[in-house]
N, C-alpha and C. Protein backbone atom coordinates (compact mmCIF):
# COMPACT_ATOMS: atom_id res chain seq x y z
N GLN A 1 12.23 20.62 -10.37
CA GLN A 1 12.06 19.56 -11.36
C GLN A 1 12.11 18.21 -10.67
N VAL A 2 11.27 17.32 -11.17
CA VAL A 2 11.23 15.95 -10.67
C VAL A 2 11.33 15.01 -11.86
N GLN A 3 12.18 14.00 -11.75
CA GLN A 3 12.30 13.01 -12.81
C GLN A 3 11.81 11.66 -12.29
N LEU A 4 11.11 10.95 -13.15
CA LEU A 4 10.52 9.67 -12.79
C LEU A 4 10.83 8.63 -13.84
N VAL A 5 11.29 7.46 -13.42
CA VAL A 5 11.60 6.38 -14.36
C VAL A 5 11.00 5.09 -13.84
N GLU A 6 10.06 4.54 -14.61
CA GLU A 6 9.41 3.30 -14.20
C GLU A 6 10.16 2.07 -14.71
N SER A 7 9.96 0.96 -14.01
CA SER A 7 10.51 -0.33 -14.44
C SER A 7 9.66 -1.44 -13.83
N GLY A 8 9.87 -2.66 -14.33
CA GLY A 8 9.21 -3.81 -13.73
C GLY A 8 8.03 -4.38 -14.51
N GLY A 9 7.65 -3.73 -15.59
CA GLY A 9 6.55 -4.25 -16.38
C GLY A 9 6.94 -5.51 -17.13
N GLY A 10 5.95 -6.15 -17.75
CA GLY A 10 6.22 -7.35 -18.52
C GLY A 10 4.97 -8.14 -18.78
N LEU A 11 5.18 -9.37 -19.27
CA LEU A 11 4.08 -10.28 -19.56
C LEU A 11 3.90 -11.23 -18.38
N VAL A 12 2.68 -11.35 -17.92
CA VAL A 12 2.38 -12.23 -16.79
C VAL A 12 1.05 -12.94 -17.05
N GLN A 13 0.94 -14.15 -16.55
CA GLN A 13 -0.30 -14.91 -16.72
C GLN A 13 -1.36 -14.43 -15.74
N PRO A 14 -2.62 -14.60 -16.06
CA PRO A 14 -3.68 -14.26 -15.11
C PRO A 14 -3.45 -14.96 -13.77
N GLY A 15 -3.65 -14.19 -12.70
CA GLY A 15 -3.40 -14.71 -11.36
C GLY A 15 -2.00 -14.47 -10.88
N GLY A 16 -1.13 -14.02 -11.76
CA GLY A 16 0.26 -13.78 -11.39
C GLY A 16 0.48 -12.43 -10.73
N SER A 17 1.76 -12.13 -10.46
CA SER A 17 2.13 -10.90 -9.76
C SER A 17 3.26 -10.18 -10.47
N LEU A 18 3.29 -8.88 -10.28
CA LEU A 18 4.40 -8.05 -10.73
C LEU A 18 4.64 -6.98 -9.68
N ARG A 19 5.89 -6.52 -9.62
CA ARG A 19 6.21 -5.39 -8.76
C ARG A 19 6.80 -4.29 -9.65
N LEU A 20 6.08 -3.19 -9.74
CA LEU A 20 6.54 -2.04 -10.51
C LEU A 20 7.32 -1.12 -9.58
N SER A 21 8.36 -0.52 -10.14
CA SER A 21 9.17 0.44 -9.40
C SER A 21 9.23 1.74 -10.16
N CYS A 22 9.40 2.83 -9.42
CA CYS A 22 9.56 4.15 -10.02
C CYS A 22 10.68 4.86 -9.29
N ALA A 23 11.77 5.10 -10.00
CA ALA A 23 12.88 5.84 -9.42
C ALA A 23 12.58 7.33 -9.48
N VAL A 24 12.64 7.98 -8.34
CA VAL A 24 12.31 9.40 -8.22
C VAL A 24 13.59 10.19 -7.95
N SER A 25 13.81 11.25 -8.71
CA SER A 25 14.99 12.08 -8.50
C SER A 25 14.63 13.54 -8.72
N GLY A 26 15.56 14.41 -8.33
CA GLY A 26 15.32 15.84 -8.47
C GLY A 26 14.84 16.43 -7.14
N SER A 27 13.90 17.33 -7.21
CA SER A 27 13.41 18.04 -6.01
C SER A 27 12.39 17.20 -5.25
N ILE A 28 12.90 16.09 -4.68
CA ILE A 28 12.01 15.15 -3.98
C ILE A 28 11.28 15.82 -2.83
N PHE A 29 11.95 16.76 -2.15
CA PHE A 29 11.37 17.41 -0.98
C PHE A 29 10.11 18.19 -1.31
N SER A 30 9.95 18.56 -2.59
CA SER A 30 8.82 19.40 -2.99
C SER A 30 7.56 18.60 -3.34
N ILE A 31 7.69 17.26 -3.37
CA ILE A 31 6.57 16.43 -3.81
C ILE A 31 5.49 16.36 -2.74
N THR A 32 4.25 16.62 -3.15
CA THR A 32 3.12 16.59 -2.24
C THR A 32 2.46 15.21 -2.20
N ALA A 33 2.34 14.61 -3.37
CA ALA A 33 1.68 13.31 -3.48
C ALA A 33 2.30 12.54 -4.63
N VAL A 34 2.22 11.22 -4.52
CA VAL A 34 2.70 10.34 -5.60
C VAL A 34 1.60 9.35 -5.95
N ALA A 35 1.66 8.84 -7.16
CA ALA A 35 0.59 7.96 -7.60
C ALA A 35 1.04 7.08 -8.76
N TRP A 36 0.27 6.04 -8.98
CA TRP A 36 0.37 5.21 -10.18
C TRP A 36 -0.92 5.39 -10.97
N TYR A 37 -0.77 5.64 -12.26
CA TYR A 37 -1.88 5.68 -13.19
C TYR A 37 -1.66 4.57 -14.22
N ARG A 38 -2.71 4.28 -14.98
CA ARG A 38 -2.56 3.34 -16.08
C ARG A 38 -3.45 3.76 -17.24
N GLN A 39 -3.04 3.34 -18.43
CA GLN A 39 -3.82 3.63 -19.62
C GLN A 39 -3.85 2.39 -20.50
N ALA A 40 -5.04 1.83 -20.64
CA ALA A 40 -5.24 0.67 -21.50
C ALA A 40 -5.46 1.15 -22.93
N PRO A 41 -5.21 0.30 -23.93
CA PRO A 41 -5.42 0.69 -25.33
C PRO A 41 -6.83 1.19 -25.57
N GLY A 42 -6.93 2.36 -26.16
CA GLY A 42 -8.23 2.92 -26.50
C GLY A 42 -9.00 3.52 -25.35
N LYS A 43 -8.37 3.59 -24.17
CA LYS A 43 -9.06 4.12 -22.99
C LYS A 43 -8.30 5.31 -22.42
N GLN A 44 -8.99 6.04 -21.57
CA GLN A 44 -8.36 7.19 -20.91
C GLN A 44 -7.46 6.72 -19.77
N ARG A 45 -6.50 7.56 -19.47
CA ARG A 45 -5.63 7.27 -18.33
C ARG A 45 -6.45 7.34 -17.04
N GLU A 46 -6.21 6.39 -16.14
CA GLU A 46 -6.97 6.35 -14.88
C GLU A 46 -6.05 6.19 -13.69
N LEU A 47 -6.49 6.75 -12.58
CA LEU A 47 -5.73 6.66 -11.33
C LEU A 47 -5.87 5.26 -10.75
N VAL A 48 -4.76 4.64 -10.40
CA VAL A 48 -4.77 3.30 -9.82
C VAL A 48 -4.62 3.36 -8.31
N ALA A 49 -3.61 4.09 -7.85
CA ALA A 49 -3.34 4.17 -6.41
C ALA A 49 -2.52 5.41 -6.13
N SER A 50 -2.64 5.94 -4.92
CA SER A 50 -1.90 7.15 -4.57
C SER A 50 -1.51 7.16 -3.10
N ILE A 51 -0.49 7.93 -2.80
CA ILE A 51 -0.10 8.26 -1.44
C ILE A 51 -0.11 9.78 -1.35
N VAL A 52 -0.96 10.31 -0.49
CA VAL A 52 -1.12 11.76 -0.42
C VAL A 52 -0.30 12.34 0.73
N SER A 53 -0.43 13.66 0.94
CA SER A 53 0.48 14.37 1.82
C SER A 53 0.48 13.88 3.27
N ASP A 54 -0.65 13.38 3.73
CA ASP A 54 -0.71 12.90 5.12
C ASP A 54 -0.27 11.43 5.25
N GLY A 55 0.17 10.86 4.14
CA GLY A 55 0.65 9.48 4.15
C GLY A 55 -0.42 8.44 3.88
N SER A 56 -1.64 8.86 3.77
CA SER A 56 -2.71 7.90 3.54
C SER A 56 -2.66 7.38 2.10
N LYS A 57 -3.14 6.16 1.93
CA LYS A 57 -3.10 5.49 0.63
C LYS A 57 -4.53 5.28 0.11
N HIS A 58 -4.66 5.42 -1.19
CA HIS A 58 -5.97 5.32 -1.80
C HIS A 58 -5.87 4.46 -3.05
N TYR A 59 -6.92 3.67 -3.28
CA TYR A 59 -6.94 2.75 -4.43
C TYR A 59 -8.26 2.86 -5.17
N ARG A 60 -8.19 2.63 -6.49
CA ARG A 60 -9.45 2.52 -7.21
C ARG A 60 -10.08 1.19 -6.83
N ASP A 61 -11.41 1.12 -6.91
CA ASP A 61 -12.13 -0.05 -6.41
C ASP A 61 -11.67 -1.34 -7.07
N SER A 62 -11.38 -1.28 -8.36
CA SER A 62 -11.09 -2.51 -9.11
C SER A 62 -9.75 -3.15 -8.72
N VAL A 63 -8.90 -2.43 -7.98
CA VAL A 63 -7.61 -3.01 -7.60
C VAL A 63 -7.47 -3.17 -6.10
N LYS A 64 -8.46 -2.73 -5.34
CA LYS A 64 -8.39 -2.89 -3.88
C LYS A 64 -8.22 -4.34 -3.51
N ASP A 65 -7.40 -4.60 -2.52
CA ASP A 65 -7.10 -5.94 -2.01
C ASP A 65 -6.23 -6.76 -2.97
N ARG A 66 -5.84 -6.15 -4.11
CA ARG A 66 -4.94 -6.84 -5.04
C ARG A 66 -3.63 -6.08 -5.24
N PHE A 67 -3.71 -4.75 -5.22
CA PHE A 67 -2.54 -3.91 -5.45
C PHE A 67 -2.16 -3.19 -4.16
N THR A 68 -0.86 -2.96 -4.00
CA THR A 68 -0.36 -2.23 -2.84
C THR A 68 0.65 -1.19 -3.28
N ILE A 69 0.42 0.07 -2.94
CA ILE A 69 1.36 1.14 -3.24
C ILE A 69 2.22 1.40 -2.02
N SER A 70 3.50 1.68 -2.25
CA SER A 70 4.39 1.98 -1.14
C SER A 70 5.56 2.81 -1.67
N ARG A 71 6.31 3.38 -0.73
CA ARG A 71 7.51 4.13 -1.10
C ARG A 71 8.56 3.92 -0.03
N ASP A 72 9.82 4.03 -0.40
CA ASP A 72 10.86 3.86 0.61
C ASP A 72 10.94 5.12 1.46
N ASN A 73 11.64 5.01 2.59
CA ASN A 73 11.65 6.11 3.57
C ASN A 73 12.24 7.39 3.00
N ALA A 74 13.20 7.25 2.12
CA ALA A 74 13.83 8.45 1.56
C ALA A 74 13.00 9.08 0.46
N GLY A 75 11.99 8.35 0.01
CA GLY A 75 11.16 8.88 -1.06
C GLY A 75 11.79 8.76 -2.42
N ASN A 76 12.85 7.95 -2.50
CA ASN A 76 13.55 7.81 -3.78
C ASN A 76 12.90 6.82 -4.72
N THR A 77 12.10 5.92 -4.18
CA THR A 77 11.50 4.89 -5.01
C THR A 77 10.05 4.68 -4.61
N LEU A 78 9.21 4.61 -5.60
CA LEU A 78 7.79 4.32 -5.43
C LEU A 78 7.54 2.93 -6.01
N TYR A 79 6.72 2.15 -5.31
CA TYR A 79 6.44 0.79 -5.75
C TYR A 79 4.94 0.58 -5.95
N LEU A 80 4.63 -0.39 -6.80
CA LEU A 80 3.27 -0.89 -6.92
C LEU A 80 3.34 -2.41 -7.01
N GLN A 81 2.93 -3.07 -5.92
CA GLN A 81 2.86 -4.52 -5.92
C GLN A 81 1.48 -4.91 -6.46
N ALA A 82 1.49 -5.62 -7.58
CA ALA A 82 0.24 -6.00 -8.23
C ALA A 82 0.10 -7.51 -8.17
N ASP A 83 -0.88 -8.00 -7.43
CA ASP A 83 -1.14 -9.43 -7.26
C ASP A 83 -2.48 -9.81 -7.90
N SER A 84 -2.67 -11.10 -8.09
CA SER A 84 -3.92 -11.61 -8.65
C SER A 84 -4.30 -10.84 -9.91
N LEU A 85 -3.34 -10.69 -10.79
CA LEU A 85 -3.56 -9.87 -11.98
C LEU A 85 -4.60 -10.48 -12.91
N LYS A 86 -5.34 -9.59 -13.56
CA LYS A 86 -6.41 -9.98 -14.47
C LYS A 86 -6.10 -9.40 -15.86
N PRO A 87 -6.66 -10.00 -16.90
CA PRO A 87 -6.43 -9.44 -18.24
C PRO A 87 -6.82 -7.97 -18.34
N GLU A 88 -7.83 -7.55 -17.60
CA GLU A 88 -8.25 -6.14 -17.64
C GLU A 88 -7.27 -5.20 -16.95
N ASP A 89 -6.25 -5.74 -16.31
CA ASP A 89 -5.19 -4.90 -15.75
C ASP A 89 -4.14 -4.54 -16.79
N THR A 90 -4.25 -5.11 -17.98
CA THR A 90 -3.30 -4.81 -19.05
C THR A 90 -3.34 -3.34 -19.41
N ALA A 91 -2.19 -2.70 -19.35
CA ALA A 91 -2.11 -1.25 -19.61
C ALA A 91 -0.66 -0.81 -19.51
N VAL A 92 -0.43 0.42 -19.94
CA VAL A 92 0.83 1.08 -19.63
C VAL A 92 0.65 1.76 -18.27
N TYR A 93 1.55 1.49 -17.35
CA TYR A 93 1.48 2.04 -16.00
C TYR A 93 2.46 3.21 -15.88
N TYR A 94 1.95 4.33 -15.38
CA TYR A 94 2.73 5.55 -15.27
C TYR A 94 2.89 5.96 -13.82
N CYS A 95 4.08 6.41 -13.49
CA CYS A 95 4.37 6.98 -12.18
C CYS A 95 4.09 8.49 -12.26
N ASN A 96 3.52 9.03 -11.20
CA ASN A 96 3.15 10.44 -11.17
C ASN A 96 3.59 11.07 -9.86
N ALA A 97 4.08 12.29 -9.94
CA ALA A 97 4.40 13.07 -8.74
C ALA A 97 3.77 14.44 -8.88
N PHE A 98 3.09 14.87 -7.82
CA PHE A 98 2.42 16.17 -7.81
C PHE A 98 3.13 17.10 -6.86
N VAL A 99 3.49 18.28 -7.36
CA VAL A 99 4.10 19.32 -6.53
C VAL A 99 3.05 20.38 -6.28
N GLY A 100 2.50 20.37 -5.08
CA GLY A 100 1.39 21.27 -4.77
C GLY A 100 1.74 22.73 -4.84
N GLN A 101 2.96 23.07 -4.41
CA GLN A 101 3.35 24.48 -4.38
C GLN A 101 3.37 25.09 -5.78
N LEU A 102 3.65 24.27 -6.78
CA LEU A 102 3.70 24.74 -8.15
C LEU A 102 2.47 24.33 -8.96
N ASN A 103 1.62 23.51 -8.33
CA ASN A 103 0.46 22.95 -9.02
C ASN A 103 0.88 22.25 -10.31
N MET A 104 1.92 21.43 -10.19
CA MET A 104 2.47 20.76 -11.36
C MET A 104 2.50 19.26 -11.18
N ASN A 105 2.22 18.55 -12.26
CA ASN A 105 2.32 17.09 -12.29
C ASN A 105 3.53 16.70 -13.12
N TYR A 106 4.25 15.71 -12.64
CA TYR A 106 5.37 15.14 -13.37
C TYR A 106 5.05 13.68 -13.67
N TRP A 107 5.50 13.23 -14.85
CA TRP A 107 5.17 11.88 -15.30
C TRP A 107 6.41 11.14 -15.76
N GLY A 108 6.40 9.83 -15.54
CA GLY A 108 7.39 8.98 -16.17
C GLY A 108 6.90 8.60 -17.56
N LYS A 109 7.72 7.82 -18.27
CA LYS A 109 7.36 7.42 -19.63
C LYS A 109 6.50 6.17 -19.67
N GLY A 110 6.39 5.50 -18.53
CA GLY A 110 5.50 4.35 -18.45
C GLY A 110 6.19 3.01 -18.64
N THR A 111 5.54 1.98 -18.11
CA THR A 111 6.01 0.61 -18.28
C THR A 111 4.80 -0.27 -18.60
N LEU A 112 4.95 -1.12 -19.61
CA LEU A 112 3.82 -1.91 -20.10
C LEU A 112 3.64 -3.18 -19.28
N VAL A 113 2.41 -3.39 -18.84
CA VAL A 113 2.02 -4.62 -18.16
C VAL A 113 0.99 -5.34 -19.03
N THR A 114 1.30 -6.57 -19.39
CA THR A 114 0.40 -7.37 -20.20
C THR A 114 0.03 -8.62 -19.43
N VAL A 115 -1.26 -8.81 -19.21
CA VAL A 115 -1.75 -9.99 -18.49
C VAL A 115 -2.47 -10.88 -19.49
N SER A 116 -1.86 -12.00 -19.79
CA SER A 116 -2.41 -12.88 -20.82
C SER A 116 -1.87 -14.29 -20.65
N SER A 117 -2.70 -15.26 -21.03
CA SER A 117 -2.26 -16.65 -21.00
C SER A 117 -1.70 -17.07 -22.35
């Protein structure tokens, strides 16, 4: 079992920054990949950024050069640094952990990011 708890969301003006955090607990050693997803009102959930098993990082095109995904050495916390935020970044942001051995995804409850003037 893996538990995920997001924090750091809020209201920010266009061009501003936020740092989202995800506290990871449970069977951390079993996690194959971690990621941030987001879901805007009326839209499907989409992958924002991920760190896969070889340590490589991947971003969706719309956030490249603006968002940075990282995790601490112990794997206890996952971060998403979001800079130069745009109104279209408004969404609930979810932390995700994938356990390859079980083919299971674990999700946090999400944190709301609102970009508005």
